[in-house]
Amino acid sequence: MTSLNFLRVFNVSYNDLQGKIPTGTQLQSFNASAFEGNPRLCGAPLPNECREIDVDSKNNVNEDVDNEHDELPWFYIFAALGFIVGFWGVCGSLALKKTWRYAYFCFLDDVQDMLYVKMTMCMARMKRRLRD
C-alpha cells in the first residue's frame, strides 16, 4: 500500500484502524482528516506520535495466532465427521433399505426420462425453426 503513487483521494476515516501509518510518499501526502476517527492510529500526517508496543501486547498477539492454529485441526476433524455421517446417512440407508433404494432409483429413472423428453422436444423445435 505504501508503494501506491496514483491515488488522488484517500479516506479511511472511522474504520477503527490502529497502529503506525506506513511510511511512504503517498500516504504522508494526504491530510490528517483522511485518517480521523481512528484514535489508535499514529504517525505522520497525524499529530499522534507512535510509542513502542508493550511486551505484553506483543505476547497477546502471539497468543491469538497460536490459538488460531490450535483451532484449525478441529475444523478438519468436524468436516471429516460431517462428511462421513452425511455420506453413510444417505448411502447406508440406500444400501440397507430395499424400499428406499427402489424408490430412489425409480426417481432417478423418472428424472432421466423427463430430461430426455425435454431435450428431444427442444432439438425438434430447433430443427423446425432452422428449416423455416
N, C-alpha and C. Protein backbone atom coordinates (compact mmCIF):
# COMPACT_ATOMS: atom_id res chain seq x y z
N MET A 1 0.82 -1.17 0.00
CA MET A 1 0.00 0.00 0.00
C MET A 1 0.88 1.25 0.00
N THR A 2 2.06 1.13 0.60
CA THR A 2 2.93 2.31 0.65
C THR A 2 3.51 2.63 -0.71
N SER A 3 3.53 1.68 -1.62
CA SER A 3 4.11 1.93 -2.94
C SER A 3 3.11 2.57 -3.91
N LEU A 4 1.86 2.73 -3.49
CA LEU A 4 0.87 3.37 -4.37
C LEU A 4 1.24 4.83 -4.56
N ASN A 5 1.20 5.29 -5.80
CA ASN A 5 1.53 6.68 -6.05
C ASN A 5 0.54 7.35 -7.00
N PHE A 6 -0.61 6.73 -7.21
CA PHE A 6 -1.58 7.25 -8.17
C PHE A 6 -2.91 7.64 -7.53
N LEU A 7 -3.00 7.61 -6.21
CA LEU A 7 -4.25 7.94 -5.53
C LEU A 7 -4.45 9.44 -5.47
N ARG A 8 -5.64 9.89 -5.83
CA ARG A 8 -5.99 11.30 -5.68
C ARG A 8 -6.78 11.52 -4.40
N VAL A 9 -7.64 10.55 -4.08
CA VAL A 9 -8.48 10.65 -2.89
C VAL A 9 -8.22 9.42 -2.05
N PHE A 10 -8.03 9.64 -0.76
CA PHE A 10 -7.79 8.53 0.17
C PHE A 10 -8.46 8.90 1.47
N ASN A 11 -9.39 8.06 1.93
CA ASN A 11 -10.11 8.36 3.15
C ASN A 11 -10.40 7.06 3.88
N VAL A 12 -9.80 6.90 5.04
CA VAL A 12 -10.05 5.72 5.88
C VAL A 12 -10.64 6.14 7.22
N SER A 13 -11.38 7.23 7.22
CA SER A 13 -11.96 7.75 8.46
C SER A 13 -12.95 6.76 9.06
N TYR A 14 -12.93 6.68 10.38
CA TYR A 14 -13.89 5.89 11.16
C TYR A 14 -13.90 4.41 10.75
N ASN A 15 -12.73 3.84 10.55
CA ASN A 15 -12.62 2.42 10.22
C ASN A 15 -11.99 1.63 11.36
N ASP A 16 -11.82 2.26 12.51
CA ASP A 16 -11.26 1.62 13.70
C ASP A 16 -9.90 0.99 13.39
N LEU A 17 -9.07 1.73 12.68
CA LEU A 17 -7.72 1.27 12.38
C LEU A 17 -6.82 1.55 13.57
N GLN A 18 -5.74 0.81 13.68
CA GLN A 18 -4.80 1.02 14.78
C GLN A 18 -3.39 0.75 14.30
N GLY A 19 -2.43 1.34 14.99
CA GLY A 19 -1.03 1.13 14.66
C GLY A 19 -0.44 2.32 13.93
N LYS A 20 0.79 2.11 13.45
CA LYS A 20 1.53 3.17 12.78
C LYS A 20 1.15 3.22 11.31
N ILE A 21 0.98 4.42 10.79
CA ILE A 21 0.71 4.59 9.37
C ILE A 21 2.01 4.28 8.63
N PRO A 22 1.99 3.39 7.66
CA PRO A 22 3.22 3.03 6.95
C PRO A 22 3.84 4.26 6.29
N THR A 23 5.16 4.30 6.33
CA THR A 23 5.84 5.44 5.73
C THR A 23 5.99 5.21 4.24
N GLY A 24 5.75 6.24 3.50
CA GLY A 24 5.84 6.21 2.05
C GLY A 24 5.39 7.56 1.53
N THR A 25 5.76 7.90 0.34
CA THR A 25 5.48 9.23 -0.18
C THR A 25 3.99 9.50 -0.29
N GLN A 26 3.22 8.53 -0.71
CA GLN A 26 1.80 8.76 -0.99
C GLN A 26 0.97 8.96 0.27
N LEU A 27 1.12 8.10 1.28
CA LEU A 27 0.26 8.18 2.46
C LEU A 27 0.52 9.43 3.29
N GLN A 28 1.76 9.89 3.34
CA GLN A 28 2.06 11.09 4.13
C GLN A 28 1.59 12.36 3.42
N SER A 29 1.27 12.28 2.15
CA SER A 29 0.85 13.48 1.42
C SER A 29 -0.62 13.82 1.65
N PHE A 30 -1.38 12.91 2.24
CA PHE A 30 -2.79 13.18 2.48
C PHE A 30 -2.98 13.98 3.76
N ASN A 31 -4.10 14.66 3.84
CA ASN A 31 -4.44 15.48 5.00
C ASN A 31 -4.78 14.57 6.18
N ALA A 32 -4.58 15.06 7.39
CA ALA A 32 -4.88 14.29 8.60
C ALA A 32 -6.36 13.96 8.69
N SER A 33 -7.22 14.75 8.04
CA SER A 33 -8.66 14.48 8.10
C SER A 33 -9.01 13.17 7.40
N ALA A 34 -8.14 12.66 6.54
CA ALA A 34 -8.39 11.39 5.86
C ALA A 34 -8.28 10.22 6.83
N PHE A 35 -7.66 10.46 8.01
CA PHE A 35 -7.46 9.40 8.98
C PHE A 35 -8.26 9.61 10.26
N GLU A 36 -9.14 10.61 10.31
CA GLU A 36 -9.84 10.94 11.55
C GLU A 36 -10.81 9.83 11.95
N GLY A 37 -11.08 9.76 13.24
CA GLY A 37 -11.99 8.75 13.75
C GLY A 37 -11.29 7.43 14.02
N ASN A 38 -9.99 7.41 13.96
CA ASN A 38 -9.18 6.22 14.27
C ASN A 38 -8.23 6.60 15.40
N PRO A 39 -8.70 6.62 16.65
CA PRO A 39 -7.89 7.14 17.75
C PRO A 39 -6.62 6.33 18.02
N ARG A 40 -6.58 5.08 17.61
CA ARG A 40 -5.40 4.26 17.87
C ARG A 40 -4.42 4.26 16.71
N LEU A 41 -4.65 5.13 15.74
CA LEU A 41 -3.76 5.27 14.59
C LEU A 41 -2.74 6.36 14.91
N CYS A 42 -1.48 6.16 14.52
CA CYS A 42 -0.45 7.14 14.84
C CYS A 42 0.55 7.26 13.70
N GLY A 43 1.37 8.29 13.77
CA GLY A 43 2.38 8.53 12.75
C GLY A 43 1.95 9.63 11.81
N ALA A 44 2.91 10.08 10.98
CA ALA A 44 2.63 11.17 10.04
C ALA A 44 1.52 10.76 9.09
N PRO A 45 0.62 11.61 8.74
CA PRO A 45 0.47 13.04 8.98
C PRO A 45 -0.30 13.39 10.25
N LEU A 46 -0.58 12.42 11.10
CA LEU A 46 -1.34 12.69 12.33
C LEU A 46 -0.42 13.30 13.38
N PRO A 47 -0.99 14.09 14.29
CA PRO A 47 -0.18 14.67 15.36
C PRO A 47 0.21 13.63 16.41
N ASN A 48 -0.46 12.48 16.44
CA ASN A 48 -0.16 11.44 17.43
C ASN A 48 1.19 10.81 17.11
N GLU A 49 2.07 10.78 18.11
CA GLU A 49 3.35 10.10 17.94
C GLU A 49 3.17 8.64 18.32
N CYS A 50 3.84 7.77 17.62
CA CYS A 50 3.76 6.34 17.94
C CYS A 50 4.70 6.04 19.09
N ARG A 51 4.23 5.25 20.02
CA ARG A 51 5.09 4.80 21.12
C ARG A 51 5.40 3.33 20.89
N GLU A 52 6.40 2.85 21.56
CA GLU A 52 6.79 1.45 21.40
C GLU A 52 5.67 0.55 21.90
N ILE A 53 5.48 -0.57 21.23
CA ILE A 53 4.46 -1.53 21.64
C ILE A 53 4.96 -2.26 22.87
N ASP A 54 4.10 -2.38 23.85
CA ASP A 54 4.46 -3.07 25.09
C ASP A 54 4.76 -4.53 24.81
N VAL A 55 5.63 -5.10 25.65
CA VAL A 55 5.97 -6.52 25.50
C VAL A 55 4.74 -7.37 25.74
N ASP A 56 3.85 -6.96 26.68
CA ASP A 56 2.64 -7.73 26.96
C ASP A 56 1.72 -7.78 25.75
N SER A 57 1.57 -6.66 25.05
CA SER A 57 0.68 -6.67 23.90
C SER A 57 1.25 -7.52 22.78
N LYS A 58 2.59 -7.58 22.65
CA LYS A 58 3.20 -8.47 21.66
C LYS A 58 2.88 -9.92 22.00
N ASN A 59 2.95 -10.25 23.29
CA ASN A 59 2.65 -11.62 23.70
C ASN A 59 1.19 -11.96 23.43
N ASN A 60 0.28 -11.01 23.65
CA ASN A 60 -1.14 -11.25 23.39
C ASN A 60 -1.38 -11.54 21.92
N VAL A 61 -0.70 -10.81 21.04
CA VAL A 61 -0.86 -11.04 19.61
C VAL A 61 -0.38 -12.44 19.26
N ASN A 62 0.76 -12.85 19.83
CA ASN A 62 1.26 -14.20 19.56
C ASN A 62 0.33 -15.27 20.09
N GLU A 63 -0.30 -15.01 21.26
CA GLU A 63 -1.24 -15.99 21.80
C GLU A 63 -2.44 -16.14 20.89
N ASP A 64 -2.93 -15.04 20.33
CA ASP A 64 -4.07 -15.12 19.41
C ASP A 64 -3.72 -15.95 18.19
N VAL A 65 -2.53 -15.76 17.65
CA VAL A 65 -2.11 -16.52 16.48
C VAL A 65 -1.99 -17.99 16.84
N ASP A 66 -1.43 -18.29 18.02
CA ASP A 66 -1.31 -19.68 18.45
C ASP A 66 -2.67 -20.33 18.62
N ASN A 67 -3.65 -19.60 19.17
CA ASN A 67 -4.99 -20.15 19.35
C ASN A 67 -5.64 -20.47 18.02
N GLU A 68 -5.38 -19.66 17.00
CA GLU A 68 -5.95 -19.93 15.68
C GLU A 68 -5.40 -21.23 15.12
N HIS A 69 -4.11 -21.50 15.36
CA HIS A 69 -3.51 -22.74 14.87
C HIS A 69 -4.05 -23.95 15.63
N ASP A 70 -4.39 -23.77 16.92
CA ASP A 70 -4.94 -24.87 17.69
C ASP A 70 -6.34 -25.23 17.22
N GLU A 71 -7.10 -24.26 16.76
CA GLU A 71 -8.48 -24.50 16.33
C GLU A 71 -8.56 -25.12 14.94
N LEU A 72 -7.53 -24.98 14.13
CA LEU A 72 -7.57 -25.44 12.75
C LEU A 72 -7.76 -26.95 12.63
N PRO A 73 -7.06 -27.79 13.38
CA PRO A 73 -7.30 -29.24 13.23
C PRO A 73 -8.73 -29.64 13.59
N TRP A 74 -9.35 -28.94 14.54
CA TRP A 74 -10.72 -29.26 14.89
C TRP A 74 -11.66 -29.02 13.72
N PHE A 75 -11.38 -28.01 12.93
CA PHE A 75 -12.19 -27.74 11.75
C PHE A 75 -12.16 -28.94 10.81
N TYR A 76 -10.97 -29.46 10.54
CA TYR A 76 -10.83 -30.60 9.63
C TYR A 76 -11.45 -31.87 10.22
N ILE A 77 -11.33 -32.04 11.53
CA ILE A 77 -11.92 -33.21 12.18
C ILE A 77 -13.44 -33.18 12.03
N PHE A 78 -14.05 -32.03 12.32
CA PHE A 78 -15.51 -31.94 12.22
C PHE A 78 -15.99 -31.98 10.77
N ALA A 79 -15.20 -31.44 9.86
CA ALA A 79 -15.56 -31.52 8.44
C ALA A 79 -15.56 -32.98 7.98
N ALA A 80 -14.55 -33.74 8.39
CA ALA A 80 -14.48 -35.15 8.02
C ALA A 80 -15.63 -35.93 8.66
N LEU A 81 -15.91 -35.65 9.93
CA LEU A 81 -17.03 -36.34 10.59
C LEU A 81 -18.36 -36.01 9.92
N GLY A 82 -18.55 -34.76 9.55
CA GLY A 82 -19.78 -34.38 8.86
C GLY A 82 -19.92 -35.07 7.53
N PHE A 83 -18.82 -35.18 6.79
CA PHE A 83 -18.87 -35.88 5.51
C PHE A 83 -19.20 -37.35 5.70
N ILE A 84 -18.55 -37.98 6.67
CA ILE A 84 -18.78 -39.42 6.91
C ILE A 84 -20.23 -39.66 7.31
N VAL A 85 -20.74 -38.87 8.24
CA VAL A 85 -22.12 -39.05 8.68
C VAL A 85 -23.09 -38.80 7.54
N GLY A 86 -22.87 -37.73 6.77
CA GLY A 86 -23.76 -37.43 5.65
C GLY A 86 -23.70 -38.49 4.57
N PHE A 87 -22.49 -38.92 4.23
CA PHE A 87 -22.33 -39.92 3.17
C PHE A 87 -22.99 -41.23 3.56
N TRP A 88 -22.66 -41.72 4.76
CA TRP A 88 -23.24 -43.01 5.17
C TRP A 88 -24.70 -42.88 5.55
N GLY A 89 -25.14 -41.68 5.92
CA GLY A 89 -26.56 -41.48 6.17
C GLY A 89 -27.38 -41.69 4.91
N VAL A 90 -26.86 -41.23 3.78
CA VAL A 90 -27.57 -41.40 2.51
C VAL A 90 -27.27 -42.76 1.90
N CYS A 91 -25.99 -43.05 1.69
CA CYS A 91 -25.63 -44.31 1.01
C CYS A 91 -25.93 -45.53 1.87
N GLY A 92 -25.73 -45.40 3.18
CA GLY A 92 -26.02 -46.53 4.06
C GLY A 92 -27.50 -46.86 4.08
N SER A 93 -28.33 -45.83 4.11
CA SER A 93 -29.77 -46.09 4.11
C SER A 93 -30.21 -46.71 2.78
N LEU A 94 -29.58 -46.29 1.67
CA LEU A 94 -29.92 -46.90 0.38
C LEU A 94 -29.42 -48.34 0.30
N ALA A 95 -28.29 -48.61 0.93
CA ALA A 95 -27.75 -49.97 0.89
C ALA A 95 -28.55 -50.92 1.78
N LEU A 96 -29.06 -50.42 2.89
CA LEU A 96 -29.73 -51.30 3.85
C LEU A 96 -31.24 -51.42 3.63
N LYS A 97 -31.88 -50.38 3.15
CA LYS A 97 -33.34 -50.40 2.99
C LYS A 97 -33.70 -50.61 1.53
N LYS A 98 -34.26 -51.78 1.23
CA LYS A 98 -34.58 -52.11 -0.16
C LYS A 98 -35.66 -51.19 -0.72
N THR A 99 -36.66 -50.82 0.08
CA THR A 99 -37.74 -49.97 -0.42
C THR A 99 -37.22 -48.56 -0.75
N TRP A 100 -36.31 -48.03 0.08
CA TRP A 100 -35.74 -46.72 -0.19
C TRP A 100 -34.89 -46.75 -1.45
N ARG A 101 -34.10 -47.83 -1.58
CA ARG A 101 -33.25 -47.99 -2.76
C ARG A 101 -34.10 -48.04 -4.02
N TYR A 102 -35.19 -48.80 -3.97
CA TYR A 102 -36.09 -48.93 -5.12
C TYR A 102 -36.71 -47.58 -5.46
N ALA A 103 -37.19 -46.86 -4.44
CA ALA A 103 -37.80 -45.55 -4.67
C ALA A 103 -36.78 -44.55 -5.23
N TYR A 104 -35.55 -44.60 -4.74
CA TYR A 104 -34.51 -43.68 -5.20
C TYR A 104 -34.19 -43.92 -6.67
N PHE A 105 -34.01 -45.18 -7.05
CA PHE A 105 -33.66 -45.46 -8.44
C PHE A 105 -34.84 -45.24 -9.38
N CYS A 106 -36.07 -45.44 -8.89
CA CYS A 106 -37.24 -45.08 -9.71
C CYS A 106 -37.28 -43.57 -9.94
N PHE A 107 -36.97 -42.81 -8.91
CA PHE A 107 -36.92 -41.36 -9.05
C PHE A 107 -35.86 -40.95 -10.07
N LEU A 108 -34.68 -41.55 -9.99
CA LEU A 108 -33.62 -41.23 -10.96
C LEU A 108 -34.04 -41.59 -12.38
N ASP A 109 -34.74 -42.72 -12.55
CA ASP A 109 -35.24 -43.10 -13.87
C ASP A 109 -36.24 -42.07 -14.39
N ASP A 110 -37.14 -41.63 -13.52
CA ASP A 110 -38.13 -40.62 -13.92
C ASP A 110 -37.46 -39.31 -14.34
N VAL A 111 -36.46 -38.90 -13.59
CA VAL A 111 -35.73 -37.67 -13.93
C VAL A 111 -35.02 -37.83 -15.26
N GLN A 112 -34.40 -38.98 -15.47
CA GLN A 112 -33.70 -39.22 -16.73
C GLN A 112 -34.69 -39.20 -17.90
N ASP A 113 -35.83 -39.84 -17.73
CA ASP A 113 -36.84 -39.84 -18.80
C ASP A 113 -37.34 -38.43 -19.09
N MET A 114 -37.59 -37.65 -18.04
CA MET A 114 -38.08 -36.29 -18.23
C MET A 114 -37.05 -35.44 -18.98
N LEU A 115 -35.77 -35.56 -18.59
CA LEU A 115 -34.72 -34.79 -19.27
C LEU A 115 -34.58 -35.21 -20.73
N TYR A 116 -34.69 -36.50 -21.00
CA TYR A 116 -34.58 -36.99 -22.37
C TYR A 116 -35.72 -36.44 -23.23
N VAL A 117 -36.94 -36.45 -22.69
CA VAL A 117 -38.09 -35.94 -23.44
C VAL A 117 -37.93 -34.44 -23.70
N LYS A 118 -37.54 -33.67 -22.67
CA LYS A 118 -37.37 -32.22 -22.86
C LYS A 118 -36.28 -31.92 -23.87
N MET A 119 -35.17 -32.66 -23.82
CA MET A 119 -34.08 -32.43 -24.75
C MET A 119 -34.50 -32.79 -26.18
N THR A 120 -35.23 -33.87 -26.34
CA THR A 120 -35.69 -34.28 -27.67
C THR A 120 -36.67 -33.25 -28.23
N MET A 121 -37.56 -32.73 -27.38
CA MET A 121 -38.51 -31.71 -27.84
C MET A 121 -37.79 -30.42 -28.24
N CYS A 122 -36.80 -30.03 -27.48
CA CYS A 122 -36.04 -28.82 -27.82
C CYS A 122 -35.30 -29.00 -29.13
N MET A 123 -34.71 -30.17 -29.34
CA MET A 123 -33.99 -30.44 -30.59
C MET A 123 -34.96 -30.40 -31.78
N ALA A 124 -36.15 -30.99 -31.62
CA ALA A 124 -37.13 -30.99 -32.70
C ALA A 124 -37.58 -29.56 -33.01
N ARG A 125 -37.79 -28.74 -31.95
CA ARG A 125 -38.18 -27.35 -32.14
C ARG A 125 -37.09 -26.56 -32.87
N MET A 126 -35.84 -26.79 -32.50
CA MET A 126 -34.75 -26.08 -33.16
C MET A 126 -34.62 -26.49 -34.62
N LYS A 127 -34.79 -27.79 -34.90
CA LYS A 127 -34.71 -28.25 -36.29
C LYS A 127 -35.83 -27.62 -37.12
N ARG A 128 -37.04 -27.54 -36.52
CA ARG A 128 -38.17 -26.93 -37.21
C ARG A 128 -37.90 -25.45 -37.51
N ARG A 129 -37.35 -24.73 -36.56
CA ARG A 129 -37.06 -23.30 -36.74
C ARG A 129 -35.97 -23.09 -37.78
N LEU A 130 -34.99 -23.97 -37.81
CA LEU A 130 -33.92 -23.83 -38.79
C LEU A 130 -34.41 -24.12 -40.21
N ARG A 131 -35.38 -25.02 -40.33
CA ARG A 131 -35.94 -25.32 -41.65
C ARG A 131 -36.78 -24.17 -42.19
N ASP A 132 -37.45 -23.45 -41.31
CA ASP A 132 -38.34 -22.36 -41.75
C ASP A 132 -37.60 -21.14 -42.15
